[in-house]
Amino acid sequence: MLMQTQAYFKKSLARNILSGLELGEFTVYYQPKFDLTSRKIIGLEALSRWYASGVGWISPAEFIPVAESTGAIIPLGERVLVTACKQTKYWQENGYPELSVAVNLSSIQLEEKNIVTRVEDILSQTGLDPRYLELEVTESVLIKNSIWALEVLKQFRKIGIKLAIDDFGTGYSTIGYLTTYPFDSLKLDQIFAKTIHLTQTQLVVRAMANLARQLGLTTLLEGVEEQTELVMARHLGCDQVQGHAISPPQPAGEIVLAMENYS
C-alpha cells in the first residue's frame, strides 16, 4: 500500500510539474560564485524554484528527483537554460559585469540525442556567447553512461562551453573523472564546508584543491555558510566559494544587489 501511495504521489507531482510549467509557476533564482583572490563575484548558478498555485513553495529537494525520474526534467531543464541565458545576456547589455552562468544538466538531458544541437540553438536564440555558459554534471551522470557522456562533454567543450563536475566527493568520487573528462571546474560537495573544522576534512580539501590545480582545474567549495568557513576554504587552497556567506539564491531582480556589492 505504501509503495502504491508513493507511486501515485510521484505521478501526480510529475503532472503538476508539467502543468506548472505551462502556468508559468517556475522561476529561476541565482546564486553567486565568489572568487577568493579577487574577492569579486565571477559567476552565477541558475537554480529552479517552484511556487505552486494554491500550495506555495515546493522544495527543489522534493520536485527535482521526481522530475528526473519521470522525464519532466527535460522541459524543466530547458526552461531554466533558456531563462538563464536570456537573463545573463540582458545583464551584459545593461552595464553589469560579464559574468558566466552555470546550469545543471541531468543524466536524462545528457542522454538526449540532440542535446548539443539544442544547447547551441538556445545560445544562438538568446545571443549569449558560449564562453559565458557553464554546464554542471554530477558524478552519477558520468557513471550512468560514461562513453556517451564523454563524447557529449567533448562536443560542448569544442563549442566553447565551460564544464564543471558538481557535488564532487560524495559516494562515487574517483580521480579518473578529473583526468578523463574535459572539465574546467571541480565543485566540492557542501559536506566539506559543513565539516571543515575537522582535521580530516581539511586534509582532504587541501589535497583535492592541490590536485585540481595540477590538472588546471578551478576548485569551488559549495555550501559555505559562515565567514569562518570562507576563510578556511581560502587557507586550504580553494579558488572559489558558493553559499549563504556570500548570498543565498535570489531572483534576478534581487541578486543584482549582491553583484554590485562585490563588483
Protein backbone atom coordinates (compact mmCIF):
# COMPACT_ATOMS: atom_id res chain seq x y z
CA MET A 1 0.00 0.00 0.00
CA LEU A 2 2.83 2.40 0.88
CA MET A 3 4.55 1.78 -2.45
CA GLN A 4 1.29 2.37 -4.32
CA THR A 5 0.77 5.63 -2.45
CA GLN A 6 4.31 6.76 -3.24
CA ALA A 7 3.90 5.87 -6.91
CA TYR A 8 0.63 7.80 -7.10
CA PHE A 9 2.24 10.81 -5.41
CA LYS A 10 5.14 10.75 -7.89
CA LYS A 11 2.84 10.59 -10.91
CA SER A 12 0.66 13.35 -9.50
CA LEU A 13 3.65 15.56 -8.79
CA ALA A 14 5.06 14.93 -12.27
CA ARG A 15 1.75 16.04 -13.83
CA ASN A 16 1.76 19.12 -11.62
CA ILE A 17 5.30 19.96 -12.72
CA LEU A 18 4.23 19.93 -16.36
CA SER A 19 1.13 21.98 -15.67
CA GLY A 20 3.20 24.33 -13.51
CA LEU A 21 5.50 24.95 -16.46
CA GLU A 22 2.51 25.79 -18.65
CA LEU A 23 1.15 28.14 -15.99
CA GLY A 24 4.46 29.92 -15.50
CA GLU A 25 4.81 28.83 -11.87
CA PHE A 26 8.52 28.07 -12.18
CA THR A 27 11.13 30.76 -11.88
CA VAL A 28 14.93 30.90 -11.82
CA TYR A 29 16.95 32.03 -8.83
CA TYR A 30 20.65 32.84 -9.00
CA GLN A 31 23.44 32.17 -6.50
CA PRO A 32 26.84 33.86 -6.89
CA LYS A 33 30.20 32.15 -7.22
CA PHE A 34 32.78 34.20 -5.31
CA ASP A 35 36.47 34.34 -6.22
CA LEU A 36 38.66 34.17 -3.11
CA THR A 37 41.60 36.01 -4.72
CA SER A 38 39.89 38.96 -6.40
CA ARG A 39 37.09 38.97 -3.79
CA LYS A 40 34.59 39.51 -6.57
CA ILE A 41 31.60 37.59 -7.91
CA ILE A 42 32.76 35.87 -11.08
CA GLY A 43 29.66 33.88 -11.98
CA LEU A 44 26.17 32.78 -11.02
CA GLU A 45 24.45 29.42 -10.77
CA ALA A 46 20.89 29.22 -12.10
CA LEU A 47 18.53 27.25 -9.86
CA SER A 48 14.92 26.24 -10.46
CA ARG A 49 12.27 27.37 -7.95
CA TRP A 50 8.56 26.47 -7.90
CA TYR A 51 5.68 28.39 -6.35
CA ALA A 52 2.65 26.19 -6.99
CA SER A 53 -0.75 27.82 -7.15
CA GLY A 54 -2.80 27.00 -4.06
CA VAL A 55 0.13 25.20 -2.44
CA GLY A 56 3.02 27.63 -2.11
CA TRP A 57 6.74 27.00 -2.39
CA ILE A 58 7.75 23.41 -3.13
CA SER A 59 11.33 22.47 -2.27
CA PRO A 60 13.69 21.53 -5.13
CA ALA A 61 14.66 18.53 -2.98
CA GLU A 62 11.09 17.34 -3.48
CA PHE A 63 10.36 18.11 -7.12
CA ILE A 64 13.77 17.69 -8.80
CA PRO A 65 14.09 13.92 -8.08
CA VAL A 66 10.54 13.36 -9.37
CA ALA A 67 11.23 15.45 -12.46
CA GLU A 68 14.37 13.42 -13.15
CA SER A 69 12.70 10.04 -12.67
CA THR A 70 9.68 10.87 -14.83
CA GLY A 71 11.32 12.81 -17.65
CA ALA A 72 9.74 16.12 -16.65
CA ILE A 73 13.29 17.37 -16.09
CA ILE A 74 13.70 17.76 -19.87
CA PRO A 75 11.22 20.63 -20.35
CA LEU A 76 12.05 22.00 -16.89
CA GLY A 77 15.79 21.95 -17.54
CA GLU A 78 15.35 23.60 -20.91
CA ARG A 79 13.23 26.34 -19.35
CA VAL A 80 15.97 27.06 -16.82
CA LEU A 81 18.65 27.10 -19.52
CA VAL A 82 16.73 29.47 -21.79
CA THR A 83 15.84 31.80 -18.92
CA ALA A 84 19.39 31.86 -17.54
CA CYS A 85 20.94 32.58 -20.95
CA LYS A 86 18.45 35.37 -21.67
CA GLN A 87 18.97 36.94 -18.26
CA THR A 88 22.77 36.77 -18.49
CA LYS A 89 22.72 38.39 -21.93
CA TYR A 90 20.40 41.09 -20.59
CA TRP A 91 22.78 41.87 -17.74
CA GLN A 92 25.72 42.06 -20.14
CA GLU A 93 23.87 44.51 -22.39
CA ASN A 94 22.89 46.73 -19.48
CA GLY A 95 26.20 47.52 -17.88
CA TYR A 96 26.63 44.67 -15.42
CA PRO A 97 29.89 42.65 -15.23
CA GLU A 98 30.21 39.97 -17.90
CA LEU A 99 29.60 37.02 -15.59
CA SER A 100 29.17 33.41 -16.64
CA VAL A 101 26.06 31.45 -15.71
CA ALA A 102 26.10 27.81 -14.60
CA VAL A 103 23.20 25.46 -15.32
CA ASN A 104 22.81 21.88 -14.09
CA LEU A 105 22.45 19.14 -16.69
CA SER A 106 20.73 15.93 -15.57
CA SER A 107 21.53 12.44 -16.85
CA ILE A 108 18.29 12.33 -18.83
CA GLN A 109 19.10 15.62 -20.55
CA LEU A 110 22.63 14.46 -21.32
CA GLU A 111 21.27 11.27 -22.90
CA GLU A 112 19.13 13.17 -25.41
CA LYS A 113 20.49 12.58 -28.90
CA ASN A 114 20.12 16.22 -29.92
CA ILE A 115 21.29 17.80 -26.66
CA VAL A 116 24.35 19.53 -28.16
CA THR A 117 22.36 20.96 -31.06
CA ARG A 118 19.62 22.09 -28.69
CA VAL A 119 22.05 23.94 -26.44
CA GLU A 120 23.67 25.55 -29.49
CA ASP A 121 20.23 26.69 -30.68
CA ILE A 122 19.44 28.24 -27.29
CA LEU A 123 22.75 30.12 -27.27
CA SER A 124 22.05 31.36 -30.79
CA GLN A 125 18.48 32.42 -29.97
CA THR A 126 19.47 34.26 -26.80
CA GLY A 127 22.65 35.74 -28.22
CA LEU A 128 24.81 34.53 -25.32
CA ASP A 129 28.43 33.77 -26.17
CA PRO A 130 29.19 30.09 -25.31
CA ARG A 131 32.13 31.12 -23.10
CA TYR A 132 29.65 32.63 -20.64
CA LEU A 133 27.77 29.34 -20.16
CA GLU A 134 28.92 26.62 -17.78
CA LEU A 135 27.18 23.25 -17.66
CA GLU A 136 27.38 21.26 -14.42
CA VAL A 137 27.06 17.47 -14.22
CA THR A 138 27.29 15.22 -11.18
CA GLU A 139 29.42 12.11 -10.84
CA SER A 140 26.35 9.88 -11.00
CA VAL A 141 25.64 11.22 -14.50
CA LEU A 142 29.07 10.07 -15.66
CA ILE A 143 28.65 6.61 -14.18
CA LYS A 144 25.31 6.01 -15.88
CA ASN A 145 26.61 6.35 -19.44
CA SER A 146 30.30 7.18 -19.37
CA ILE A 147 31.09 6.69 -23.07
CA TRP A 148 28.20 8.81 -24.32
CA ALA A 149 28.77 11.44 -21.61
CA LEU A 150 32.42 11.80 -22.57
CA GLU A 151 31.57 12.35 -26.23
CA VAL A 152 28.85 14.91 -25.44
CA LEU A 153 31.03 16.83 -23.00
CA LYS A 154 33.83 16.96 -25.56
CA GLN A 155 31.40 18.48 -28.05
CA PHE A 156 30.30 21.08 -25.52
CA ARG A 157 33.92 21.94 -24.79
CA LYS A 158 34.64 22.26 -28.51
CA ILE A 159 31.83 24.81 -28.81
CA GLY A 160 33.43 26.87 -26.06
CA ILE A 161 31.09 25.99 -23.19
CA LYS A 162 32.72 25.57 -19.78
CA LEU A 163 32.16 22.35 -17.82
CA ALA A 164 32.07 21.59 -14.09
CA ILE A 165 31.77 18.38 -12.12
CA ASP A 166 29.30 19.04 -9.32
CA ASP A 167 28.94 17.60 -5.79
CA PHE A 168 32.38 16.01 -6.02
CA GLY A 169 33.37 13.93 -3.02
CA THR A 170 30.10 12.12 -2.36
CA GLY A 171 29.63 8.44 -2.99
CA TYR A 172 31.25 7.73 -6.33
CA SER A 173 34.29 10.01 -6.29
CA THR A 174 37.17 8.92 -8.46
CA ILE A 175 40.19 10.83 -9.68
CA GLY A 176 39.64 9.27 -13.10
CA TYR A 177 36.80 11.69 -13.79
CA LEU A 178 39.18 14.62 -13.43
CA THR A 179 41.74 13.21 -15.85
CA THR A 180 39.37 11.69 -18.43
CA TYR A 181 36.62 14.26 -18.83
CA PRO A 182 37.20 17.81 -20.16
CA PHE A 183 36.22 19.70 -17.01
CA ASP A 184 37.20 23.27 -16.19
CA SER A 185 35.98 23.33 -12.61
CA LEU A 186 35.72 21.00 -9.63
CA LYS A 187 32.86 21.76 -7.22
CA LEU A 188 33.38 20.17 -3.82
CA ASP A 189 30.20 19.00 -2.14
CA GLN A 190 28.80 21.11 0.69
CA ILE A 191 29.52 18.33 3.20
CA PHE A 192 33.13 19.54 3.19
CA ALA A 193 32.06 23.05 4.19
CA LYS A 194 29.90 21.69 6.99
CA THR A 195 32.78 19.63 8.41
CA ILE A 196 35.66 21.93 7.51
CA HIS A 197 36.55 22.36 11.18
CA LEU A 198 37.67 18.71 11.24
CA THR A 199 41.34 17.95 10.58
CA GLN A 200 40.49 15.05 8.27
CA THR A 201 38.23 17.21 6.13
CA GLN A 202 40.91 19.87 5.89
CA LEU A 203 43.42 17.32 4.66
CA VAL A 204 41.02 16.06 2.01
CA VAL A 205 40.04 19.53 0.79
CA ARG A 206 43.66 20.67 0.58
CA ALA A 207 44.64 17.51 -1.31
CA MET A 208 41.78 17.84 -3.82
CA ALA A 209 42.46 21.55 -4.34
CA ASN A 210 46.14 20.84 -4.97
CA LEU A 211 45.33 18.02 -7.39
CA ALA A 212 42.80 20.15 -9.25
CA ARG A 213 45.36 22.93 -9.60
CA GLN A 214 47.89 20.48 -11.03
CA LEU A 215 45.28 19.42 -13.59
CA GLY A 216 44.43 23.01 -14.49
CA LEU A 217 41.03 22.97 -12.79
CA THR A 218 39.40 25.61 -10.64
CA THR A 219 38.21 24.40 -7.22
CA LEU A 220 34.96 25.71 -5.74
CA LEU A 221 33.64 24.81 -2.28
CA GLU A 222 29.85 24.70 -2.12
CA GLY A 223 27.62 25.37 0.88
CA VAL A 224 29.83 27.94 2.61
CA GLU A 225 27.53 29.42 5.23
CA GLU A 226 29.88 31.23 7.63
CA GLN A 227 32.77 33.64 7.20
CA THR A 228 34.99 31.24 9.14
CA GLU A 229 34.30 28.58 6.50
CA LEU A 230 35.14 31.07 3.77
CA VAL A 231 38.46 31.93 5.41
CA MET A 232 39.30 28.25 5.85
CA ALA A 233 38.43 27.50 2.21
CA ARG A 234 40.94 30.12 1.11
CA HIS A 235 43.54 28.76 3.52
CA LEU A 236 43.10 25.23 2.15
CA GLY A 237 43.66 26.31 -1.44
CA CYS A 238 40.14 26.61 -2.87
CA ASP A 239 39.78 29.19 -5.63
CA GLN A 240 36.09 29.98 -5.21
CA VAL A 241 33.18 29.51 -2.81
CA GLN A 242 29.43 29.47 -3.08
CA GLY A 243 26.88 29.74 -0.29
CA HIS A 244 24.98 31.95 2.12
CA ALA A 245 28.20 33.52 3.38
CA ILE A 246 28.13 35.49 0.13
CA SER A 247 24.46 35.29 -0.84
CA PRO A 248 21.58 32.82 -0.84
CA PRO A 249 19.89 32.06 -4.16
CA GLN A 250 17.76 35.05 -5.13
CA PRO A 251 15.55 36.20 -8.01
CA ALA A 252 17.25 38.11 -10.82
CA GLY A 253 15.92 41.45 -9.59
CA GLU A 254 17.46 40.97 -6.15
CA ILE A 255 20.72 39.23 -6.96
CA VAL A 256 21.93 42.39 -8.73
CA LEU A 257 22.49 43.93 -5.29
CA ALA A 258 24.99 41.20 -4.43
CA MET A 259 26.60 41.68 -7.84
CA GLU A 260 27.03 45.40 -7.15
CA ASN A 261 28.35 44.83 -3.61
CA TYR A 262 31.13 42.55 -4.87
CA SER A 263 31.89 44.26 -8.19
